[in-house]
Amino acid sequence: MATRFSFDNAFLHFAKTDGPRGFLWKYLLAYLFGALCLMAISYLLFRPLINMAMSAIFEIISAGMSEPEADQMIEALVARRATEIAGWIVMGNISMLVLGVLFWAVFEAAVQRRLVRDEGFSLQIGADEFRLMLIGLIWFGLAVTGQIVSIIFILVSTASLVYALDNPAGGAIAVLGCLALVSGIWIWIGVRLAPASAMTIRDGKIAFFDAWHATNGRFWPLFGAYVVLAIFIAVLSYFTFYVVGTSVAAAVMENIARFERAVEAQNPFALLSAILHFDILAPLIGGGVFWILMQGFFFYVWAGPAALAAKTDPRGGGVAQAPDVFA
């Protein structure tokens, strides 16, 4: 079904897609499973750091006790262990970065195939996903460049204004003004290029800067849709944290007597048992699972406006025809 591009259709596009039924619940369950797998991999990657740190501390203490005057030996030992730990941290972070980008590309492709092509749910690692990884790399490079350019612009502009006005007290106002200007420019660029992922999935080729043309005359509806979605996500996030936080606090208060007895007995195992009690673990685990599901839902919802812009590209290539776009 061809959908006309408009403000209301943009922020509700996630709820107006065609295609096979059952996409959302399959997507959310897969997102939950993938997120839990990432967390498990992260735990396995960084768990050895604890053993390495404890071993390093033991060796340093032992060396200090056996050779009180061997300062150079201790320094060399600290440097060697610090290098090993730092290397493991770097390796772990690089591994998680690659896996995180792959996770994003896989689910972004699945979402865009739904929102742009009206397909059913599918996860795969293929050409679409690798193209999206390149899109993510371009976004990252643009973000880094934008931060550097913005900092230079703010520093130079603020210094110039303060010097021209000969009023150091106006520096704070100048900084705020420059921040507002820079933020506005990058929001404008971000909205104009937002359909890059959707157009890449639609056309089967890298279409980052081509997204600029798909948003001609559409900035304000797109921007308004993102503002509404941001408010929607913020409200749902607040209520999610409130419900989960209240549930955990209630569980802790119900078991406060158990905590007090463990503290009075100075029994760490009893305290650990009280913390790991089912009444406390259940809301913690349940709340964590629910929050991951909400993150997946927000990810899906946020992709809607840009996907509709790509789907109704007036130059062709989308599902809707050009005459329908601004009708």
Protein backbone atom coordinates (compact mmCIF):
# COMPACT_ATOMS: atom_id res chain seq x y z
CA MET A 1 0.00 0.00 0.00
CA ALA A 2 1.43 3.39 -1.00
CA THR A 3 1.57 5.71 2.01
CA ARG A 4 1.69 9.46 1.49
CA PHE A 5 4.45 11.30 3.29
CA SER A 6 3.16 13.55 6.07
CA PHE A 7 3.94 14.40 9.69
CA ASP A 8 1.42 11.97 11.18
CA ASN A 9 2.28 9.16 8.76
CA ALA A 10 5.98 9.68 9.52
CA PHE A 11 5.83 9.20 13.29
CA LEU A 12 3.20 6.43 13.02
CA HIS A 13 4.84 4.58 10.15
CA PHE A 14 5.99 1.78 12.47
CA ALA A 15 2.31 0.99 13.12
CA LYS A 16 1.15 1.27 9.49
CA THR A 17 3.37 -1.21 7.68
CA ASP A 18 2.06 -3.99 5.50
CA GLY A 19 3.53 -7.45 5.12
CA PRO A 20 3.26 -10.77 6.97
CA ARG A 21 1.89 -10.63 10.49
CA GLY A 22 3.82 -11.45 13.62
CA PHE A 23 6.86 -9.31 12.83
CA LEU A 24 7.01 -7.31 16.05
CA TRP A 25 6.91 -10.14 18.58
CA LYS A 26 9.42 -12.21 16.57
CA TYR A 27 11.70 -9.19 16.27
CA LEU A 28 11.50 -8.35 19.98
CA LEU A 29 12.23 -11.93 21.07
CA ALA A 30 15.19 -12.10 18.70
CA TYR A 31 16.41 -8.70 19.93
CA LEU A 32 16.19 -9.93 23.54
CA PHE A 33 18.09 -13.12 22.72
CA GLY A 34 20.76 -11.21 20.79
CA ALA A 35 21.19 -8.62 23.55
CA LEU A 36 21.53 -11.35 26.20
CA CYS A 37 24.12 -13.13 24.03
CA LEU A 38 26.10 -9.88 23.74
CA MET A 39 25.98 -9.46 27.53
CA ALA A 40 27.16 -13.06 28.03
CA ILE A 41 30.03 -12.59 25.57
CA SER A 42 31.01 -9.36 27.30
CA TYR A 43 31.05 -11.15 30.65
CA LEU A 44 33.21 -13.98 29.27
CA LEU A 45 35.60 -11.49 27.64
CA PHE A 46 36.13 -9.32 30.70
CA ARG A 47 35.89 -11.97 33.41
CA PRO A 48 39.61 -12.87 33.11
CA LEU A 49 40.44 -9.28 33.98
CA ILE A 50 39.39 -9.95 37.57
CA ASN A 51 41.71 -12.94 37.81
CA MET A 52 44.53 -10.99 36.17
CA ALA A 53 44.06 -8.04 38.54
CA MET A 54 43.92 -10.26 41.63
CA SER A 55 46.99 -12.20 40.48
CA ALA A 56 48.87 -8.95 39.86
CA ILE A 57 47.99 -7.62 43.31
CA PHE A 58 49.11 -10.89 44.94
CA GLU A 59 52.44 -10.88 43.07
CA ILE A 60 53.13 -7.24 43.93
CA ILE A 61 52.36 -7.79 47.63
CA SER A 62 54.45 -10.97 47.69
CA ALA A 63 57.36 -9.23 46.00
CA GLY A 64 57.13 -6.32 48.44
CA MET A 65 57.12 -8.64 51.46
CA SER A 66 59.98 -10.86 50.26
CA GLU A 67 62.14 -8.07 48.85
CA PRO A 68 61.34 -4.83 50.74
CA GLU A 69 64.18 -2.96 49.00
CA ALA A 70 63.47 -4.22 45.48
CA ASP A 71 61.63 -1.11 44.27
CA GLN A 72 62.78 -1.51 40.68
CA MET A 73 61.57 -5.09 40.56
CA ILE A 74 58.16 -4.07 41.87
CA GLU A 75 57.94 -1.20 39.36
CA ALA A 76 58.79 -3.57 36.51
CA LEU A 77 56.20 -6.05 37.77
CA VAL A 78 53.53 -3.34 37.99
CA ALA A 79 54.37 -2.09 34.48
CA ARG A 80 54.25 -5.62 33.02
CA ARG A 81 50.94 -6.49 34.65
CA ALA A 82 49.43 -3.12 33.79
CA THR A 83 50.40 -3.66 30.14
CA GLU A 84 48.79 -7.12 30.13
CA ILE A 85 45.58 -5.81 31.68
CA ALA A 86 45.47 -2.80 29.35
CA GLY A 87 46.01 -5.06 26.34
CA TRP A 88 43.16 -7.32 27.42
CA ILE A 89 40.90 -4.30 27.94
CA VAL A 90 41.72 -2.97 24.46
CA MET A 91 41.14 -6.39 22.87
CA GLY A 92 37.87 -6.82 24.72
CA ASN A 93 36.59 -3.37 23.79
CA ILE A 94 37.51 -3.84 20.12
CA SER A 95 35.78 -7.22 20.09
CA MET A 96 32.64 -5.79 21.68
CA LEU A 97 32.70 -2.83 19.27
CA VAL A 98 32.77 -5.14 16.26
CA LEU A 99 30.04 -7.36 17.70
CA GLY A 100 27.97 -4.30 18.64
CA VAL A 101 28.18 -2.87 15.13
CA LEU A 102 27.26 -6.26 13.67
CA PHE A 103 24.32 -6.51 16.10
CA TRP A 104 23.10 -3.05 15.04
CA ALA A 105 23.48 -3.82 11.32
CA VAL A 106 21.62 -7.13 11.54
CA PHE A 107 18.63 -5.69 13.38
CA GLU A 108 18.66 -2.42 11.44
CA ALA A 109 18.47 -4.42 8.20
CA ALA A 110 15.60 -6.52 9.56
CA VAL A 111 13.70 -3.39 10.63
CA GLN A 112 14.28 -1.54 7.35
CA ARG A 113 13.26 -4.55 5.27
CA ARG A 114 9.98 -4.43 7.15
CA LEU A 115 9.45 -0.67 7.05
CA VAL A 116 10.64 -0.14 3.47
CA ARG A 117 9.97 -3.42 1.67
CA ASP A 118 7.03 -4.67 3.81
CA GLU A 119 8.81 -8.00 4.32
CA GLY A 120 8.40 -10.46 7.15
CA PHE A 121 10.91 -10.92 9.95
CA SER A 122 14.29 -12.37 9.03
CA LEU A 123 17.80 -12.15 10.46
CA GLN A 124 20.81 -12.71 8.26
CA ILE A 125 24.37 -11.62 7.67
CA GLY A 126 24.66 -10.71 4.03
CA ALA A 127 25.15 -7.85 1.61
CA ASP A 128 22.51 -5.64 3.25
CA GLU A 129 24.13 -5.97 6.65
CA PHE A 130 27.66 -5.24 5.39
CA ARG A 131 26.42 -2.20 3.51
CA LEU A 132 24.78 -0.95 6.71
CA MET A 133 28.03 -1.46 8.59
CA LEU A 134 29.65 0.90 6.08
CA ILE A 135 26.79 3.35 6.63
CA GLY A 136 27.45 3.15 10.37
CA LEU A 137 31.15 3.78 9.75
CA ILE A 138 30.29 6.88 7.71
CA TRP A 139 27.99 8.13 10.49
CA PHE A 140 30.81 7.57 13.00
CA GLY A 141 33.30 9.48 10.86
CA LEU A 142 30.80 12.30 10.35
CA ALA A 143 30.14 12.47 14.10
CA VAL A 144 33.85 12.64 14.97
CA THR A 145 34.46 15.27 12.30
CA GLY A 146 31.43 17.21 13.50
CA GLN A 147 32.68 17.24 17.09
CA ILE A 148 36.13 18.47 16.07
CA VAL A 149 34.75 21.17 13.76
CA SER A 150 32.19 22.23 16.38
CA ILE A 151 34.80 22.60 19.13
CA ILE A 152 37.08 24.64 16.86
CA PHE A 153 34.15 26.81 15.74
CA ILE A 154 32.97 27.44 19.31
CA LEU A 155 36.47 28.32 20.54
CA VAL A 156 37.28 30.63 17.63
CA SER A 157 33.85 32.30 17.58
CA THR A 158 33.76 32.84 21.33
CA ALA A 159 37.29 34.26 21.41
CA SER A 160 36.50 36.54 18.47
CA LEU A 161 33.28 37.83 20.04
CA VAL A 162 34.90 38.44 23.42
CA TYR A 163 37.81 40.24 21.77
CA ALA A 164 35.53 42.32 19.50
CA LEU A 165 33.19 43.33 22.33
CA ASP A 166 36.04 43.70 24.83
CA ASN A 167 33.81 42.06 27.41
CA PRO A 168 35.09 38.81 28.98
CA ALA A 169 31.81 38.44 30.88
CA GLY A 170 30.06 37.86 27.57
CA GLY A 171 32.05 34.69 26.98
CA ALA A 172 29.44 32.46 28.62
CA ILE A 173 26.64 33.94 26.51
CA ALA A 174 28.79 33.58 23.39
CA VAL A 175 29.46 29.91 24.19
CA LEU A 176 25.75 29.20 24.70
CA GLY A 177 24.91 30.98 21.47
CA CYS A 178 27.53 29.03 19.53
CA LEU A 179 26.36 25.76 21.10
CA ALA A 180 22.78 26.49 20.07
CA LEU A 181 23.88 27.33 16.51
CA VAL A 182 26.10 24.26 16.16
CA SER A 183 23.43 21.97 17.65
CA GLY A 184 20.85 23.34 15.23
CA ILE A 185 23.14 22.79 12.24
CA TRP A 186 23.93 19.19 13.18
CA ILE A 187 20.29 18.38 13.92
CA TRP A 188 19.43 19.72 10.47
CA ILE A 189 22.16 17.61 8.83
CA GLY A 190 21.17 14.53 10.83
CA VAL A 191 17.51 14.78 9.83
CA ARG A 192 18.37 15.43 6.17
CA LEU A 193 20.59 12.32 6.08
CA ALA A 194 18.38 10.16 8.30
CA PRO A 195 17.02 7.95 5.45
CA ALA A 196 20.53 6.68 4.57
CA SER A 197 20.00 3.19 6.05
CA ALA A 198 16.50 2.86 4.64
CA MET A 199 17.60 3.92 1.15
CA THR A 200 20.56 1.54 1.29
CA ILE A 201 18.18 -1.33 2.04
CA ARG A 202 15.69 -0.09 -0.57
CA ASP A 203 18.19 0.24 -3.43
CA GLY A 204 20.65 -2.50 -2.50
CA LYS A 205 23.61 -0.11 -2.63
CA ILE A 206 25.33 2.47 -0.42
CA ALA A 207 23.10 5.55 -0.46
CA PHE A 208 24.35 7.79 2.33
CA PHE A 209 24.58 11.25 0.82
CA ASP A 210 21.81 10.47 -1.67
CA ALA A 211 19.48 10.57 1.35
CA TRP A 212 19.86 14.36 1.27
CA HIS A 213 17.78 14.53 -1.91
CA ALA A 214 15.06 12.26 -0.52
CA THR A 215 14.35 14.78 2.26
CA ASN A 216 14.03 17.87 0.06
CA GLY A 217 11.07 19.87 1.38
CA ARG A 218 10.51 17.36 4.16
CA PHE A 219 12.70 18.59 7.00
CA TRP A 220 9.98 19.98 9.25
CA PRO A 221 7.61 16.98 9.06
CA LEU A 222 10.57 14.67 9.72
CA PHE A 223 11.90 16.84 12.53
CA GLY A 224 8.44 17.08 14.10
CA ALA A 225 8.01 13.30 13.89
CA TYR A 226 11.33 12.74 15.68
CA VAL A 227 10.42 15.27 18.38
CA VAL A 228 7.11 13.49 19.04
CA LEU A 229 8.84 10.10 19.08
CA ALA A 230 11.53 11.43 21.45
CA ILE A 231 8.84 12.61 23.88
CA PHE A 232 7.01 9.28 23.51
CA ILE A 233 10.21 7.31 24.20
CA ALA A 234 11.15 9.55 27.15
CA VAL A 235 7.73 9.10 28.77
CA LEU A 236 7.75 5.30 28.30
CA SER A 237 11.32 5.12 29.62
CA TYR A 238 10.36 7.12 32.72
CA PHE A 239 7.42 4.84 33.50
CA THR A 240 9.54 1.75 32.85
CA PHE A 241 12.21 2.87 35.31
CA TYR A 242 9.55 3.94 37.78
CA VAL A 243 7.74 0.59 37.73
CA VAL A 244 10.96 -1.45 37.84
CA GLY A 245 12.53 0.76 40.52
CA THR A 246 9.39 0.64 42.66
CA SER A 247 9.21 -3.15 42.36
CA VAL A 248 12.85 -3.60 43.37
CA ALA A 249 12.54 -1.12 46.25
CA ALA A 250 9.42 -2.91 47.51
CA ALA A 251 11.20 -6.27 47.35
CA VAL A 252 14.18 -4.89 49.30
CA MET A 253 11.93 -3.38 51.97
CA GLU A 254 10.08 -6.68 52.38
CA ASN A 255 13.39 -8.45 52.98
CA ILE A 256 15.01 -5.75 55.12
CA ALA A 257 14.80 -7.93 58.23
CA ARG A 258 16.86 -10.63 56.50
CA PHE A 259 19.53 -8.03 55.62
CA GLU A 260 19.65 -6.75 59.19
CA ARG A 261 20.09 -10.25 60.63
CA ALA A 262 22.92 -10.99 58.18
CA VAL A 263 24.68 -7.72 59.03
CA GLU A 264 24.29 -8.26 62.78
CA ALA A 265 25.66 -11.79 62.46
CA GLN A 266 28.54 -10.45 60.33
CA ASN A 267 27.92 -13.35 57.98
CA PRO A 268 28.80 -12.45 54.36
CA PHE A 269 27.25 -15.65 53.03
CA ALA A 270 23.94 -14.86 54.73
CA LEU A 271 24.06 -11.34 53.30
CA LEU A 272 24.76 -12.71 49.81
CA SER A 273 21.90 -15.17 50.22
CA ALA A 274 19.59 -12.31 51.21
CA ILE A 275 20.63 -10.26 48.17
CA LEU A 276 20.13 -13.24 45.85
CA HIS A 277 16.73 -14.08 47.27
CA PHE A 278 14.07 -14.82 44.66
CA ASP A 279 11.87 -11.93 45.85
CA ILE A 280 14.67 -9.51 44.90
CA LEU A 281 16.07 -11.31 41.87
CA ALA A 282 12.66 -11.69 40.21
CA PRO A 283 11.92 -7.95 39.82
CA LEU A 284 15.57 -7.27 38.92
CA ILE A 285 15.69 -9.90 36.19
CA GLY A 286 12.14 -9.19 35.04
CA GLY A 287 12.84 -5.47 34.92
CA GLY A 288 16.07 -5.99 32.99
CA VAL A 289 14.36 -8.21 30.42
CA PHE A 290 11.50 -5.75 30.03
CA TRP A 291 13.93 -2.85 29.55
CA ILE A 292 15.79 -4.73 26.80
CA LEU A 293 12.47 -5.38 25.07
CA MET A 294 11.61 -1.68 25.37
CA GLN A 295 14.99 -0.77 23.84
CA GLY A 296 14.23 -3.04 20.89
CA PHE A 297 10.81 -1.44 20.50
CA PHE A 298 12.31 2.08 20.61
CA PHE A 299 14.86 1.02 17.98
CA TYR A 300 12.02 -0.13 15.72
CA VAL A 301 9.85 2.93 16.29
CA TRP A 302 12.71 5.41 15.72
CA ALA A 303 13.42 3.95 12.27
CA GLY A 304 9.90 4.73 11.04
CA PRO A 305 10.08 8.38 9.85
CA ALA A 306 13.28 7.94 7.82
CA ALA A 307 11.97 4.69 6.34
CA LEU A 308 8.80 6.44 5.13
CA ALA A 309 10.91 9.21 3.57
CA ALA A 310 12.83 6.57 1.61
CA LYS A 311 9.70 4.64 0.76
CA THR A 312 7.97 7.73 -0.65
CA ASP A 313 11.02 9.22 -2.37
CA PRO A 314 9.53 11.57 -5.02
CA ARG A 315 12.38 10.74 -7.40
CA GLY A 316 11.23 7.12 -7.60
CA GLY A 317 12.62 3.93 -6.14
CA GLY A 318 10.15 3.81 -3.27
CA VAL A 319 6.79 2.10 -3.05
CA ALA A 320 4.70 5.26 -3.28
CA GLN A 321 4.45 7.27 -6.46
CA ALA A 322 5.67 10.84 -6.66
CA PRO A 323 2.18 12.41 -7.09
CA ASP A 324 1.09 10.81 -3.80
CA VAL A 325 3.94 12.22 -1.73
CA PHE A 326 2.76 15.78 -1.17
CA ALA A 327 -0.91 15.24 -1.96
